[in-house]
Amino acid sequence: MKTSLKIPALLAALAAVLAVGVTLLLLQIAPAAAQGAPAAANAGVAPWAMIAAAIAAGLAALAAGYAVGSVGSAAVGALAEKPELLGRVLILVGLAEGIAIYGLIVAVLILNRAG
Protein backbone atom coordinates (compact mmCIF):
# COMPACT_ATOMS: atom_id res chain seq x y z
CA MET A 1 0.00 0.00 0.00
CA LYS A 2 1.36 3.41 -0.93
CA THR A 3 1.95 5.96 1.79
CA SER A 4 -0.32 8.49 0.06
CA LEU A 5 -3.28 6.12 0.25
CA LYS A 6 -2.95 5.82 4.04
CA ILE A 7 -3.69 9.53 4.60
CA PRO A 8 -7.48 9.38 3.91
CA ALA A 9 -7.81 6.40 6.23
CA LEU A 10 -5.91 8.24 8.95
CA LEU A 11 -8.07 11.35 8.56
CA ALA A 12 -11.24 9.28 8.74
CA ALA A 13 -9.96 7.45 11.80
CA LEU A 14 -9.07 10.76 13.47
CA ALA A 15 -12.54 12.13 12.74
CA ALA A 16 -14.14 9.01 14.18
CA VAL A 17 -12.01 9.09 17.34
CA LEU A 18 -12.79 12.76 17.94
CA ALA A 19 -16.49 12.24 17.34
CA VAL A 20 -16.64 9.21 19.63
CA GLY A 21 -14.73 11.03 22.36
CA VAL A 22 -17.02 14.02 22.37
CA THR A 23 -20.07 11.76 22.09
CA LEU A 24 -18.95 9.92 25.21
CA LEU A 25 -18.61 13.29 26.93
CA LEU A 26 -22.15 14.14 25.86
CA LEU A 27 -23.44 10.82 27.13
CA GLN A 28 -22.08 11.64 30.57
CA ILE A 29 -23.54 15.17 30.62
CA ALA A 30 -26.87 14.74 28.80
CA PRO A 31 -28.57 12.17 31.09
CA ALA A 32 -29.07 14.87 33.73
CA ALA A 33 -31.21 16.81 31.28
CA ALA A 34 -33.09 13.69 30.24
CA GLN A 35 -34.03 12.89 33.85
CA GLY A 36 -35.93 16.12 34.29
CA ALA A 37 -33.10 18.41 35.34
CA PRO A 38 -33.48 22.10 34.52
CA ALA A 39 -32.56 23.26 31.02
CA ALA A 40 -29.57 25.15 32.43
CA ALA A 41 -27.87 21.82 33.22
CA ASN A 42 -27.85 21.00 29.50
CA ALA A 43 -26.76 24.48 28.36
CA GLY A 44 -23.06 23.62 28.13
CA VAL A 45 -23.59 20.61 25.90
CA ALA A 46 -24.79 22.35 22.73
CA PRO A 47 -21.54 24.14 21.84
CA TRP A 48 -19.51 20.95 22.30
CA ALA A 49 -22.00 18.97 20.24
CA MET A 50 -21.77 21.47 17.42
CA ILE A 51 -17.97 21.40 17.55
CA ALA A 52 -17.96 17.60 17.53
CA ALA A 53 -20.40 17.44 14.63
CA ALA A 54 -18.34 19.97 12.66
CA ILE A 55 -15.14 18.02 13.28
CA ALA A 56 -16.75 14.71 12.33
CA ALA A 57 -18.31 16.02 9.13
CA GLY A 58 -15.40 18.27 8.16
CA LEU A 59 -12.58 15.79 8.58
CA ALA A 60 -14.59 13.03 6.93
CA ALA A 61 -15.30 15.33 3.97
CA LEU A 62 -11.61 16.22 3.66
CA ALA A 63 -10.63 12.56 3.81
CA ALA A 64 -13.28 11.62 1.25
CA GLY A 65 -12.19 14.40 -1.08
CA TYR A 66 -8.61 13.25 -0.93
CA ALA A 67 -9.61 9.61 -1.39
CA VAL A 68 -11.88 10.38 -4.35
CA GLY A 69 -9.10 12.43 -5.93
CA SER A 70 -6.58 9.62 -5.56
CA VAL A 71 -8.92 6.83 -6.61
CA GLY A 72 -10.46 8.93 -9.38
CA SER A 73 -7.16 9.75 -11.01
CA ALA A 74 -6.10 6.10 -10.89
CA ALA A 75 -9.51 5.12 -12.25
CA VAL A 76 -9.20 7.41 -15.25
CA GLY A 77 -5.81 5.90 -16.01
CA ALA A 78 -7.21 2.39 -15.75
CA LEU A 79 -10.21 3.26 -17.93
CA ALA A 80 -7.91 4.68 -20.60
CA GLU A 81 -6.30 1.26 -20.91
CA LYS A 82 -9.33 -0.99 -20.28
CA PRO A 83 -12.75 0.66 -20.76
CA GLU A 84 -14.54 -2.51 -19.60
CA LEU A 85 -13.45 -1.76 -15.99
CA LEU A 86 -16.02 1.04 -15.66
CA GLY A 87 -18.30 -0.83 -13.22
CA ARG A 88 -15.47 -1.82 -10.90
CA VAL A 89 -14.01 1.67 -10.96
CA LEU A 90 -17.34 3.26 -10.05
CA ILE A 91 -17.61 0.94 -7.05
CA LEU A 92 -14.16 1.99 -5.82
CA VAL A 93 -14.96 5.69 -6.18
CA GLY A 94 -18.26 5.10 -4.35
CA LEU A 95 -16.44 3.42 -1.48
CA ALA A 96 -14.13 6.41 -1.19
CA GLU A 97 -17.14 8.75 -1.14
CA GLY A 98 -18.70 6.64 1.63
CA ILE A 99 -16.22 8.15 4.09
CA ALA A 100 -18.02 11.51 3.81
CA ILE A 101 -21.41 9.89 4.27
CA TYR A 102 -20.24 8.15 7.44
CA GLY A 103 -18.98 11.46 8.81
CA LEU A 104 -22.32 13.11 8.05
CA ILE A 105 -24.21 10.30 9.78
CA VAL A 106 -22.01 10.62 12.88
CA ALA A 107 -22.58 14.39 12.91
CA VAL A 108 -26.35 13.94 12.73
CA LEU A 109 -26.27 11.38 15.54
CA ILE A 110 -24.23 13.72 17.73
CA LEU A 111 -26.61 16.62 17.15
CA ASN A 112 -29.68 14.44 17.78
CA ARG A 113 -28.21 13.17 21.03
CA ALA A 114 -27.43 16.69 22.22
CA GLY A 115 -31.04 17.67 21.67
C-alpha atoms as a PDB file:
ATOM      1  CA  MET A   1       0.000   0.000   0.000  1.00  0.00           C
ATOM      2  CA  LYS A   2       1.355   3.405  -0.930  1.00  0.00           C
ATOM      3  CA  THR A   3       1.948   5.958   1.787  1.00  0.00           C
ATOM      4  CA  SER A   4      -0.318   8.486   0.058  1.00  0.00           C
ATOM      5  CA  LEU A   5      -3.281   6.120   0.250  1.00  0.00           C
ATOM      6  CA  LYS A   6      -2.953   5.824   4.044  1.00  0.00           C
ATOM      7  CA  ILE A   7      -3.694   9.525   4.598  1.00  0.00           C
ATOM      8  CA  PRO A   8      -7.478   9.377   3.914  1.00  0.00           C
ATOM      9  CA  ALA A   9      -7.810   6.400   6.227  1.00  0.00           C
ATOM     10  CA  LEU A  10      -5.909   8.241   8.955  1.00  0.00           C
ATOM     11  CA  LEU A  11      -8.069  11.349   8.561  1.00  0.00           C
ATOM     12  CA  ALA A  12     -11.236   9.282   8.738  1.00  0.00           C
ATOM     13  CA  ALA A  13      -9.962   7.446  11.802  1.00  0.00           C
ATOM     14  CA  LEU A  14      -9.072  10.755  13.467  1.00  0.00           C
ATOM     15  CA  ALA A  15     -12.544  12.131  12.742  1.00  0.00           C
ATOM     16  CA  ALA A  16     -14.140   9.005  14.177  1.00  0.00           C
ATOM     17  CA  VAL A  17     -12.011   9.095  17.335  1.00  0.00           C
ATOM     18  CA  LEU A  18     -12.790  12.761  17.942  1.00  0.00           C
ATOM     19  CA  ALA A  19     -16.487  12.236  17.339  1.00  0.00           C
ATOM     20  CA  VAL A  20     -16.640   9.206  19.628  1.00  0.00           C
ATOM     21  CA  GLY A  21     -14.729  11.027  22.355  1.00  0.00           C
ATOM     22  CA  VAL A  22     -17.024  14.024  22.365  1.00  0.00           C
ATOM     23  CA  THR A  23     -20.074  11.759  22.088  1.00  0.00           C
ATOM     24  CA  LEU A  24     -18.954   9.916  25.210  1.00  0.00           C
ATOM     25  CA  LEU A  25     -18.607  13.287  26.926  1.00  0.00           C
ATOM     26  CA  LEU A  26     -22.153  14.139  25.857  1.00  0.00           C
ATOM     27  CA  LEU A  27     -23.444  10.816  27.125  1.00  0.00           C
ATOM     28  CA  GLN A  28     -22.083  11.645  30.569  1.00  0.00           C
ATOM     29  CA  ILE A  29     -23.542  15.169  30.620  1.00  0.00           C
ATOM     30  CA  ALA A  30     -26.869  14.743  28.796  1.00  0.00           C
ATOM     31  CA  PRO A  31     -28.571  12.167  31.093  1.00  0.00           C
ATOM     32  CA  ALA A  32     -29.065  14.866  33.733  1.00  0.00           C
ATOM     33  CA  ALA A  33     -31.213  16.806  31.282  1.00  0.00           C
ATOM     34  CA  ALA A  34     -33.088  13.687  30.237  1.00  0.00           C
ATOM     35  CA  GLN A  35     -34.034  12.894  33.846  1.00  0.00           C
ATOM     36  CA  GLY A  36     -35.931  16.125  34.292  1.00  0.00           C
ATOM     37  CA  ALA A  37     -33.101  18.414  35.344  1.00  0.00           C
ATOM     38  CA  PRO A  38     -33.483  22.096  34.521  1.00  0.00           C
ATOM     39  CA  ALA A  39     -32.557  23.260  31.021  1.00  0.00           C
ATOM     40  CA  ALA A  40     -29.570  25.150  32.435  1.00  0.00           C
ATOM     41  CA  ALA A  41     -27.870  21.817  33.223  1.00  0.00           C
ATOM     42  CA  ASN A  42     -27.850  21.001  29.503  1.00  0.00           C
ATOM     43  CA  ALA A  43     -26.762  24.475  28.356  1.00  0.00           C
ATOM     44  CA  GLY A  44     -23.064  23.618  28.133  1.00  0.00           C
ATOM     45  CA  VAL A  45     -23.590  20.605  25.896  1.00  0.00           C
ATOM     46  CA  ALA A  46     -24.794  22.349  22.729  1.00  0.00           C
ATOM     47  CA  PRO A  47     -21.543  24.136  21.842  1.00  0.00           C
ATOM     48  CA  TRP A  48     -19.512  20.954  22.303  1.00  0.00           C
ATOM     49  CA  ALA A  49     -22.000  18.971  20.244  1.00  0.00           C
ATOM     50  CA  MET A  50     -21.769  21.465  17.415  1.00  0.00           C
ATOM     51  CA  ILE A  51     -17.969  21.399  17.548  1.00  0.00           C
ATOM     52  CA  ALA A  52     -17.956  17.595  17.533  1.00  0.00           C
ATOM     53  CA  ALA A  53     -20.395  17.443  14.628  1.00  0.00           C
ATOM     54  CA  ALA A  54     -18.342  19.966  12.661  1.00  0.00           C
ATOM     55  CA  ILE A  55     -15.141  18.015  13.278  1.00  0.00           C
ATOM     56  CA  ALA A  56     -16.746  14.708  12.335  1.00  0.00           C
ATOM     57  CA  ALA A  57     -18.310  16.024   9.125  1.00  0.00           C
ATOM     58  CA  GLY A  58     -15.400  18.274   8.165  1.00  0.00           C
ATOM     59  CA  LEU A  59     -12.581  15.789   8.577  1.00  0.00           C
ATOM     60  CA  ALA A  60     -14.590  13.034   6.928  1.00  0.00           C
ATOM     61  CA  ALA A  61     -15.302  15.327   3.966  1.00  0.00           C
ATOM     62  CA  LEU A  62     -11.608  16.218   3.663  1.00  0.00           C
ATOM     63  CA  ALA A  63     -10.626  12.563   3.806  1.00  0.00           C
ATOM     64  CA  ALA A  64     -13.280  11.625   1.254  1.00  0.00           C
ATOM     65  CA  GLY A  65     -12.189  14.398  -1.082  1.00  0.00           C
ATOM     66  CA  TYR A  66      -8.608  13.248  -0.926  1.00  0.00           C
ATOM     67  CA  ALA A  67      -9.606   9.608  -1.391  1.00  0.00           C
ATOM     68  CA  VAL A  68     -11.877  10.378  -4.354  1.00  0.00           C
ATOM     69  CA  GLY A  69      -9.098  12.429  -5.930  1.00  0.00           C
ATOM     70  CA  SER A  70      -6.581   9.619  -5.556  1.00  0.00           C
ATOM     71  CA  VAL A  71      -8.916   6.835  -6.606  1.00  0.00           C
ATOM     72  CA  GLY A  72     -10.463   8.929  -9.381  1.00  0.00           C
ATOM     73  CA  SER A  73      -7.156   9.747 -11.011  1.00  0.00           C
ATOM     74  CA  ALA A  74      -6.101   6.104 -10.890  1.00  0.00           C
ATOM     75  CA  ALA A  75      -9.514   5.115 -12.247  1.00  0.00           C
ATOM     76  CA  VAL A  76      -9.199   7.414 -15.246  1.00  0.00           C
ATOM     77  CA  GLY A  77      -5.812   5.905 -16.011  1.00  0.00           C
ATOM     78  CA  ALA A  78      -7.208   2.392 -15.754  1.00  0.00           C
ATOM     79  CA  LEU A  79     -10.206   3.257 -17.930  1.00  0.00           C
ATOM     80  CA  ALA A  80      -7.914   4.677 -20.597  1.00  0.00           C
ATOM     81  CA  GLU A  81      -6.297   1.263 -20.913  1.00  0.00           C
ATOM     82  CA  LYS A  82      -9.333  -0.987 -20.283  1.00  0.00           C
ATOM     83  CA  PRO A  83     -12.752   0.660 -20.760  1.00  0.00           C
ATOM     84  CA  GLU A  84     -14.537  -2.514 -19.597  1.00  0.00           C
ATOM     85  CA  LEU A  85     -13.453  -1.758 -15.993  1.00  0.00           C
ATOM     86  CA  LEU A  86     -16.020   1.042 -15.662  1.00  0.00           C
ATOM     87  CA  GLY A  87     -18.298  -0.831 -13.225  1.00  0.00           C
ATOM     88  CA  ARG A  88     -15.470  -1.817 -10.902  1.00  0.00           C
ATOM     89  CA  VAL A  89     -14.009   1.669 -10.956  1.00  0.00           C
ATOM     90  CA  LEU A  90     -17.342   3.258 -10.048  1.00  0.00           C
ATOM     91  CA  ILE A  91     -17.611   0.944  -7.051  1.00  0.00           C
ATOM     92  CA  LEU A  92     -14.164   1.989  -5.820  1.00  0.00           C
ATOM     93  CA  VAL A  93     -14.958   5.686  -6.181  1.00  0.00           C
ATOM     94  CA  GLY A  94     -18.257   5.102  -4.354  1.00  0.00           C
ATOM     95  CA  LEU A  95     -16.441   3.423  -1.482  1.00  0.00           C
ATOM     96  CA  ALA A  96     -14.132   6.413  -1.192  1.00  0.00           C
ATOM     97  CA  GLU A  97     -17.138   8.753  -1.136  1.00  0.00           C
ATOM     98  CA  GLY A  98     -18.696   6.643   1.627  1.00  0.00           C
ATOM     99  CA  ILE A  99     -16.218   8.155   4.090  1.00  0.00           C
ATOM    100  CA  ALA A 100     -18.017  11.514   3.814  1.00  0.00           C
ATOM    101  CA  ILE A 101     -21.411   9.886   4.266  1.00  0.00           C
ATOM    102  CA  TYR A 102     -20.242   8.147   7.443  1.00  0.00           C
ATOM    103  CA  GLY A 103     -18.980  11.458   8.806  1.00  0.00           C
ATOM    104  CA  LEU A 104     -22.318  13.110   8.049  1.00  0.00           C
ATOM    105  CA  ILE A 105     -24.209  10.298   9.784  1.00  0.00           C
ATOM    106  CA  VAL A 106     -22.009  10.616  12.882  1.00  0.00           C
ATOM    107  CA  ALA A 107     -22.579  14.392  12.910  1.00  0.00           C
ATOM    108  CA  VAL A 108     -26.354  13.944  12.728  1.00  0.00           C
ATOM    109  CA  LEU A 109     -26.271  11.376  15.539  1.00  0.00           C
ATOM    110  CA  ILE A 110     -24.232  13.720  17.732  1.00  0.00           C
ATOM    111  CA  LEU A 111     -26.610  16.618  17.153  1.00  0.00           C
ATOM    112  CA  ASN A 112     -29.680  14.441  17.777  1.00  0.00           C
ATOM    113  CA  ARG A 113     -28.213  13.169  21.029  1.00  0.00           C
ATOM    114  CA  ALA A 114     -27.434  16.688  22.218  1.00  0.00           C
ATOM    115  CA  GLY A 115     -31.042  17.667  21.669  1.00  0.00           C
END
